[in-house]
Amino acid sequence: MISEIIKRILYLIPVTLAVIFITFIVIYSIPGNPAEVILDLEATKENVAALEKEMGLDQPLYVQYVIYINKLLHGNLGYSYRTRRSIAGEVRSYYPNTIILAVFALVLAVVIGGIVGILSALRPNSYLDFAFRGFSVLGISVPEFWFGFLLILFFAVFLRWFPSEGKHGISSCFLPALTLSFSAIGTIARLLRTSLLEIFHEPYIRAARAKGASNVMIVFRHALKNAMIPAITVLGFMMGRFLGGAVVVETVFNWPGMGRLAVDAILGRDIPLIQATILILALTYIIINLMVDLLYLTLDPRIRFH
């Protein structure tokens, strides 16, 4: 168990280094001059050159990379080109909001998707099952931004149950979280239904039925733990998708998170801020996948011997 944990932690090191390198190369390959964006197109060449020297953009690319790595090793994310404020301070303001949104979306996906999947498995090929399967396909197919606009139109404009944008308490988190989790709900429901239907034919389930166990007891005491393993595999990817999809959802709902911060940084060609947002979201995704791997070991001890 401990050796497996150590192996997975050590695996994070080359993955993190690869993320840092690829992010750096891709961002510096984007056309455009950050100094011109900051100073506006009407700025003189002398002013642009002076700002480039101040920001270190006049150095060769490999020198800029070494400087960037050295800053990261000292825990320094740098300063924003636009606001001149510490990026660490910006991240502390925005990052918790993205995590709140992603966790809320994950809870909705697990609860709603789990209920839909279990009910579909208990009544296969019934009208309820067909309705839930249709709902699952709809969730996978509908684009997030379009579904978000529909939720705003219905719940915020017509019913006035929830605010349409910004962060104003827990109620303002519901619509963006539901938008973010909608496709995940369909995926989890379909996976859980398929897994449960397969497990229901296992000998130990038939033995439990022969002893008079109810469907509820069979699902929650015997079948659900094994059926959750494929769903947990997807949850790791879904959490990463929530972090990536937050860019679109946070823009639609004007949610003050890392996705919104990344969009503003890209529009302003704020290279240090773009690097920081991508790096932090990537590291979060890597850590979440590590937690999913460790959860495998808890649910199925046989995995540790592979």
Protein backbone atom coordinates (compact mmCIF):
# COMPACT_ATOMS: atom_id res chain seq x y z
CA MET A 1 0.00 0.00 0.00
CA ILE A 2 2.70 2.49 1.02
CA SER A 3 4.90 1.53 -1.94
CA GLU A 4 2.00 2.14 -4.34
CA ILE A 5 1.40 5.59 -2.84
CA ILE A 6 5.10 6.48 -3.14
CA LYS A 7 5.19 5.33 -6.78
CA ARG A 8 2.21 7.49 -7.68
CA ILE A 9 3.63 10.53 -5.87
CA LEU A 10 6.99 10.14 -7.65
CA TYR A 11 5.11 9.86 -10.94
CA LEU A 12 3.80 13.39 -10.39
CA ILE A 13 7.28 14.90 -10.70
CA PRO A 14 7.93 14.25 -14.44
CA VAL A 15 4.29 15.00 -15.26
CA THR A 16 4.50 18.37 -13.50
CA LEU A 17 7.80 19.22 -15.24
CA ALA A 18 6.26 18.33 -18.61
CA VAL A 19 3.24 20.54 -17.91
CA ILE A 20 5.50 23.48 -16.99
CA PHE A 21 7.63 23.08 -20.13
CA ILE A 22 4.74 22.63 -22.58
CA THR A 23 2.82 25.55 -21.06
CA PHE A 24 5.86 27.82 -21.33
CA ILE A 25 6.59 26.90 -24.97
CA VAL A 26 2.98 27.15 -26.14
CA ILE A 27 2.32 30.51 -24.49
CA TYR A 28 5.50 32.09 -25.85
CA SER A 29 4.66 30.77 -29.32
CA ILE A 30 1.41 32.75 -29.45
CA PRO A 31 1.71 35.70 -31.86
CA GLY A 32 1.62 39.19 -30.40
CA ASN A 33 3.71 41.39 -28.18
CA PRO A 34 2.57 41.71 -24.55
CA ALA A 35 4.30 45.08 -24.22
CA GLU A 36 2.30 46.47 -27.15
CA VAL A 37 -0.94 45.14 -25.66
CA ILE A 38 -0.20 46.78 -22.32
CA LEU A 39 0.91 50.12 -23.77
CA ASP A 40 -1.65 50.11 -26.61
CA LEU A 41 -0.82 50.19 -30.31
CA GLU A 42 -0.18 53.94 -30.28
CA ALA A 43 2.87 53.56 -28.00
CA THR A 44 6.28 54.45 -29.43
CA LYS A 45 8.89 51.81 -30.20
CA GLU A 46 11.12 53.26 -27.48
CA ASN A 47 8.40 52.81 -24.86
CA VAL A 48 7.70 49.26 -26.05
CA ALA A 49 11.41 48.39 -25.95
CA ALA A 50 11.76 49.84 -22.45
CA LEU A 51 8.80 47.82 -21.17
CA GLU A 52 10.12 44.66 -22.84
CA LYS A 53 13.43 45.14 -21.04
CA GLU A 54 11.64 45.75 -17.73
CA MET A 55 9.60 42.55 -18.10
CA GLY A 56 12.58 40.52 -19.37
CA LEU A 57 11.01 39.89 -22.77
CA ASP A 58 14.17 41.05 -24.54
CA GLN A 59 16.05 37.99 -23.23
CA PRO A 60 16.41 34.77 -25.29
CA LEU A 61 13.67 32.23 -24.74
CA TYR A 62 15.88 29.74 -22.89
CA VAL A 63 17.01 32.50 -20.50
CA GLN A 64 13.38 33.43 -19.80
CA TYR A 65 12.63 29.74 -19.14
CA VAL A 66 15.49 29.42 -16.65
CA ILE A 67 14.34 32.59 -14.87
CA TYR A 68 10.77 31.24 -14.76
CA ILE A 69 11.85 27.87 -13.30
CA ASN A 70 14.03 29.62 -10.73
CA LYS A 71 11.06 31.72 -9.60
CA LEU A 72 8.85 28.64 -9.32
CA LEU A 73 11.45 26.84 -7.21
CA HIS A 74 11.34 29.77 -4.80
CA GLY A 75 7.52 29.75 -4.75
CA ASN A 76 7.28 32.96 -6.76
CA LEU A 77 4.58 33.06 -9.43
CA GLY A 78 5.62 36.55 -10.49
CA TYR A 79 3.60 39.68 -11.05
CA SER A 80 0.78 40.46 -13.44
CA TYR A 81 1.78 42.56 -16.43
CA ARG A 82 -1.55 44.37 -16.40
CA THR A 83 -2.29 45.01 -12.74
CA ARG A 84 1.30 44.90 -11.40
CA ARG A 85 -0.04 42.91 -8.46
CA SER A 86 1.32 39.65 -7.10
CA ILE A 87 -0.09 36.67 -9.00
CA ALA A 88 -0.15 34.67 -5.76
CA GLY A 89 -2.56 37.27 -4.36
CA GLU A 90 -4.74 37.06 -7.48
CA VAL A 91 -4.81 33.27 -7.23
CA ARG A 92 -5.77 33.37 -3.54
CA SER A 93 -8.77 35.51 -4.49
CA TYR A 94 -10.00 33.42 -7.43
CA TYR A 95 -8.85 29.83 -6.86
CA PRO A 96 -11.19 29.01 -3.92
CA ASN A 97 -14.20 30.06 -6.00
CA THR A 98 -13.29 27.61 -8.77
CA ILE A 99 -12.80 24.79 -6.25
CA ILE A 100 -16.17 25.59 -4.64
CA LEU A 101 -17.85 25.51 -8.05
CA ALA A 102 -16.12 22.25 -9.09
CA VAL A 103 -16.91 20.49 -5.78
CA PHE A 104 -20.55 21.64 -5.91
CA ALA A 105 -20.78 20.37 -9.50
CA LEU A 106 -19.21 17.06 -8.47
CA VAL A 107 -21.73 16.63 -5.65
CA LEU A 108 -24.63 17.32 -8.02
CA ALA A 109 -23.21 14.89 -10.59
CA VAL A 110 -22.74 12.10 -8.04
CA VAL A 111 -26.09 12.56 -6.29
CA ILE A 112 -28.31 13.09 -9.34
CA GLY A 113 -26.36 10.74 -11.62
CA GLY A 114 -26.27 8.08 -8.90
CA ILE A 115 -30.01 8.24 -8.26
CA VAL A 116 -30.81 8.14 -11.97
CA GLY A 117 -28.41 5.22 -12.58
CA ILE A 118 -29.72 3.16 -9.66
CA LEU A 119 -33.39 3.67 -10.55
CA SER A 120 -32.67 2.77 -14.19
CA ALA A 121 -30.87 -0.41 -13.13
CA LEU A 122 -33.67 -1.47 -10.78
CA ARG A 123 -36.28 -1.11 -13.54
CA PRO A 124 -34.48 -1.99 -16.79
CA ASN A 125 -36.34 -1.40 -20.07
CA SER A 126 -39.25 0.25 -18.28
CA TYR A 127 -40.70 3.64 -19.21
CA LEU A 128 -38.75 5.13 -16.31
CA ASP A 129 -35.54 3.56 -17.61
CA PHE A 130 -36.11 4.88 -21.14
CA ALA A 131 -36.84 8.36 -19.78
CA PHE A 132 -33.68 8.37 -17.66
CA ARG A 133 -31.58 7.04 -20.53
CA GLY A 134 -32.91 9.80 -22.74
CA PHE A 135 -32.05 12.32 -20.04
CA SER A 136 -28.52 10.88 -19.86
CA VAL A 137 -28.00 11.17 -23.61
CA LEU A 138 -29.32 14.73 -23.52
CA GLY A 139 -26.88 15.62 -20.75
CA ILE A 140 -23.93 14.28 -22.73
CA SER A 141 -24.99 15.99 -25.96
CA VAL A 142 -25.99 19.53 -24.93
CA PRO A 143 -23.21 22.17 -25.03
CA GLU A 144 -22.50 23.74 -21.65
CA PHE A 145 -22.78 27.38 -22.74
CA TRP A 146 -26.18 26.77 -24.39
CA PHE A 147 -27.51 24.90 -21.36
CA GLY A 148 -26.23 27.70 -19.13
CA PHE A 149 -28.13 30.31 -21.10
CA LEU A 150 -31.30 28.20 -20.86
CA LEU A 151 -30.94 27.96 -17.07
CA ILE A 152 -30.43 31.73 -16.82
CA LEU A 153 -33.48 32.36 -18.99
CA PHE A 154 -35.74 30.00 -17.04
CA PHE A 155 -34.57 30.20 -13.42
CA ALA A 156 -33.13 33.73 -13.30
CA VAL A 157 -35.25 35.72 -15.77
CA PHE A 158 -38.68 34.01 -15.67
CA LEU A 159 -38.85 32.45 -12.19
CA ARG A 160 -36.30 34.75 -10.47
CA TRP A 161 -35.25 31.94 -8.16
CA PHE A 162 -31.49 32.38 -8.59
CA PRO A 163 -29.20 35.26 -9.55
CA SER A 164 -28.02 35.21 -13.17
CA GLU A 165 -24.40 36.21 -12.55
CA GLY A 166 -21.72 36.91 -9.98
CA LYS A 167 -21.18 35.42 -6.55
CA HIS A 168 -23.92 36.35 -4.05
CA GLY A 169 -24.03 33.52 -1.54
CA ILE A 170 -24.72 29.83 -2.01
CA SER A 171 -27.74 30.40 -4.27
CA SER A 172 -25.57 31.98 -6.97
CA CYS A 173 -23.49 28.77 -7.16
CA PHE A 174 -26.38 26.48 -8.11
CA LEU A 175 -26.90 27.46 -11.77
CA PRO A 176 -23.22 27.43 -12.82
CA ALA A 177 -22.63 24.17 -10.89
CA LEU A 178 -25.64 22.51 -12.53
CA THR A 179 -24.44 23.71 -15.94
CA LEU A 180 -20.97 22.33 -15.27
CA SER A 181 -22.25 18.97 -14.01
CA PHE A 182 -25.02 18.34 -16.57
CA SER A 183 -22.95 16.17 -18.92
CA ALA A 184 -21.30 14.39 -15.97
CA ILE A 185 -24.74 13.47 -14.59
CA GLY A 186 -25.57 11.64 -17.82
CA THR A 187 -22.19 9.90 -17.95
CA ILE A 188 -22.32 8.69 -14.34
CA ALA A 189 -25.93 7.53 -14.72
CA ARG A 190 -25.15 5.43 -17.80
CA LEU A 191 -21.99 3.93 -16.27
CA LEU A 192 -23.67 3.09 -12.97
CA ARG A 193 -26.69 1.55 -14.70
CA THR A 194 -24.48 -0.66 -16.89
CA SER A 195 -22.28 -1.73 -13.97
CA LEU A 196 -25.23 -2.56 -11.72
CA LEU A 197 -26.97 -4.60 -14.42
CA GLU A 198 -23.80 -6.67 -14.86
CA ILE A 199 -23.31 -7.13 -11.11
CA PHE A 200 -26.95 -8.18 -10.61
CA HIS A 201 -26.09 -11.41 -12.50
CA GLU A 202 -23.18 -12.28 -10.21
CA PRO A 203 -23.52 -15.40 -8.01
CA TYR A 204 -23.27 -13.49 -4.73
CA ILE A 205 -26.16 -11.23 -5.76
CA ARG A 206 -28.29 -14.25 -6.66
CA ALA A 207 -27.41 -15.76 -3.28
CA ALA A 208 -28.50 -12.55 -1.53
CA ARG A 209 -31.81 -12.61 -3.42
CA ALA A 210 -32.32 -16.25 -2.45
CA LYS A 211 -31.92 -15.27 1.21
CA GLY A 212 -34.74 -12.75 0.81
CA ALA A 213 -32.72 -9.53 0.64
CA SER A 214 -34.65 -6.56 -0.73
CA ASN A 215 -33.56 -4.63 -3.82
CA VAL A 216 -32.50 -1.68 -1.68
CA MET A 217 -30.31 -3.88 0.54
CA ILE A 218 -28.80 -5.63 -2.50
CA VAL A 219 -27.90 -2.33 -4.15
CA PHE A 220 -26.47 -0.46 -1.17
CA ARG A 221 -24.93 -3.35 0.79
CA HIS A 222 -23.66 -5.67 -1.95
CA ALA A 223 -23.64 -4.19 -5.46
CA LEU A 224 -22.98 -0.47 -5.22
CA LYS A 225 -19.40 -0.66 -3.92
CA ASN A 226 -18.24 -2.73 -6.90
CA ALA A 227 -20.35 -0.75 -9.37
CA MET A 228 -18.77 2.50 -8.20
CA ILE A 229 -15.25 1.60 -9.43
CA PRO A 230 -15.89 2.43 -13.15
CA ALA A 231 -17.77 5.59 -12.08
CA ILE A 232 -14.87 6.69 -9.87
CA THR A 233 -12.55 6.30 -12.85
CA VAL A 234 -14.70 8.80 -14.71
CA LEU A 235 -14.97 11.11 -11.70
CA GLY A 236 -11.26 11.82 -11.84
CA PHE A 237 -11.58 12.88 -15.47
CA MET A 238 -14.80 14.74 -14.71
CA MET A 239 -13.14 16.82 -12.00
CA GLY A 240 -10.47 17.80 -14.50
CA ARG A 241 -13.19 18.58 -17.01
CA PHE A 242 -14.93 20.74 -14.41
CA LEU A 243 -11.73 22.73 -13.97
CA GLY A 244 -11.31 23.12 -17.73
CA GLY A 245 -14.99 23.73 -18.42
CA ALA A 246 -15.01 26.38 -15.72
CA VAL A 247 -13.52 28.76 -18.30
CA VAL A 248 -16.75 28.70 -20.32
CA VAL A 249 -19.18 28.44 -17.40
CA GLU A 250 -17.50 31.14 -15.31
CA THR A 251 -17.57 33.46 -18.32
CA VAL A 252 -21.28 32.79 -18.96
CA PHE A 253 -22.23 33.36 -15.31
CA ASN A 254 -19.54 35.98 -14.58
CA TRP A 255 -18.30 33.76 -11.76
CA PRO A 256 -15.07 35.11 -10.17
CA GLY A 257 -12.95 31.99 -10.56
CA MET A 258 -9.75 30.82 -12.23
CA GLY A 259 -11.50 30.32 -15.56
CA ARG A 260 -12.61 33.93 -15.61
CA LEU A 261 -9.13 35.02 -14.52
CA ALA A 262 -7.59 32.99 -17.35
CA VAL A 263 -9.86 34.57 -19.96
CA ASP A 264 -8.98 38.07 -18.77
CA ALA A 265 -5.28 37.17 -18.79
CA ILE A 266 -5.47 35.79 -22.34
CA LEU A 267 -7.32 38.85 -23.63
CA GLY A 268 -4.72 41.10 -21.98
CA ARG A 269 -1.77 38.93 -23.13
CA ASP A 270 -0.68 38.71 -19.52
CA ILE A 271 1.87 35.91 -19.89
CA PRO A 272 2.81 35.33 -16.21
CA LEU A 273 -0.85 35.21 -15.21
CA ILE A 274 -1.71 32.81 -18.06
CA GLN A 275 1.15 30.53 -17.03
CA ALA A 276 0.10 30.60 -13.40
CA THR A 277 -3.57 29.82 -14.06
CA ILE A 278 -2.78 26.91 -16.40
CA LEU A 279 -0.13 25.53 -14.05
CA ILE A 280 -2.37 25.66 -10.98
CA LEU A 281 -5.33 24.08 -12.76
CA ALA A 282 -3.05 21.36 -14.18
CA LEU A 283 -1.52 20.63 -10.77
CA THR A 284 -5.00 20.46 -9.26
CA TYR A 285 -6.02 17.94 -11.90
CA ILE A 286 -2.88 15.86 -11.26
CA ILE A 287 -3.50 15.81 -7.50
CA ILE A 288 -7.14 14.82 -8.01
CA ASN A 289 -6.08 11.87 -10.16
CA LEU A 290 -3.65 10.83 -7.43
CA MET A 291 -6.52 10.88 -4.94
CA VAL A 292 -8.63 8.78 -7.33
CA ASP A 293 -5.81 6.22 -7.59
CA LEU A 294 -5.62 6.01 -3.82
CA LEU A 295 -9.39 5.60 -3.65
CA TYR A 296 -9.07 2.58 -5.97
CA LEU A 297 -6.81 0.92 -3.42
CA THR A 298 -9.45 1.46 -0.75
CA LEU A 299 -12.38 0.12 -2.78
CA ASP A 300 -10.56 -2.81 -4.38
CA PRO A 301 -7.48 -4.06 -2.47
CA ARG A 302 -6.60 -6.38 -5.36
CA ILE A 303 -5.43 -3.38 -7.41
CA ARG A 304 -2.41 -2.88 -5.19
CA PHE A 305 -0.89 -6.16 -6.35
CA HIS A 306 -0.96 -5.30 -10.07
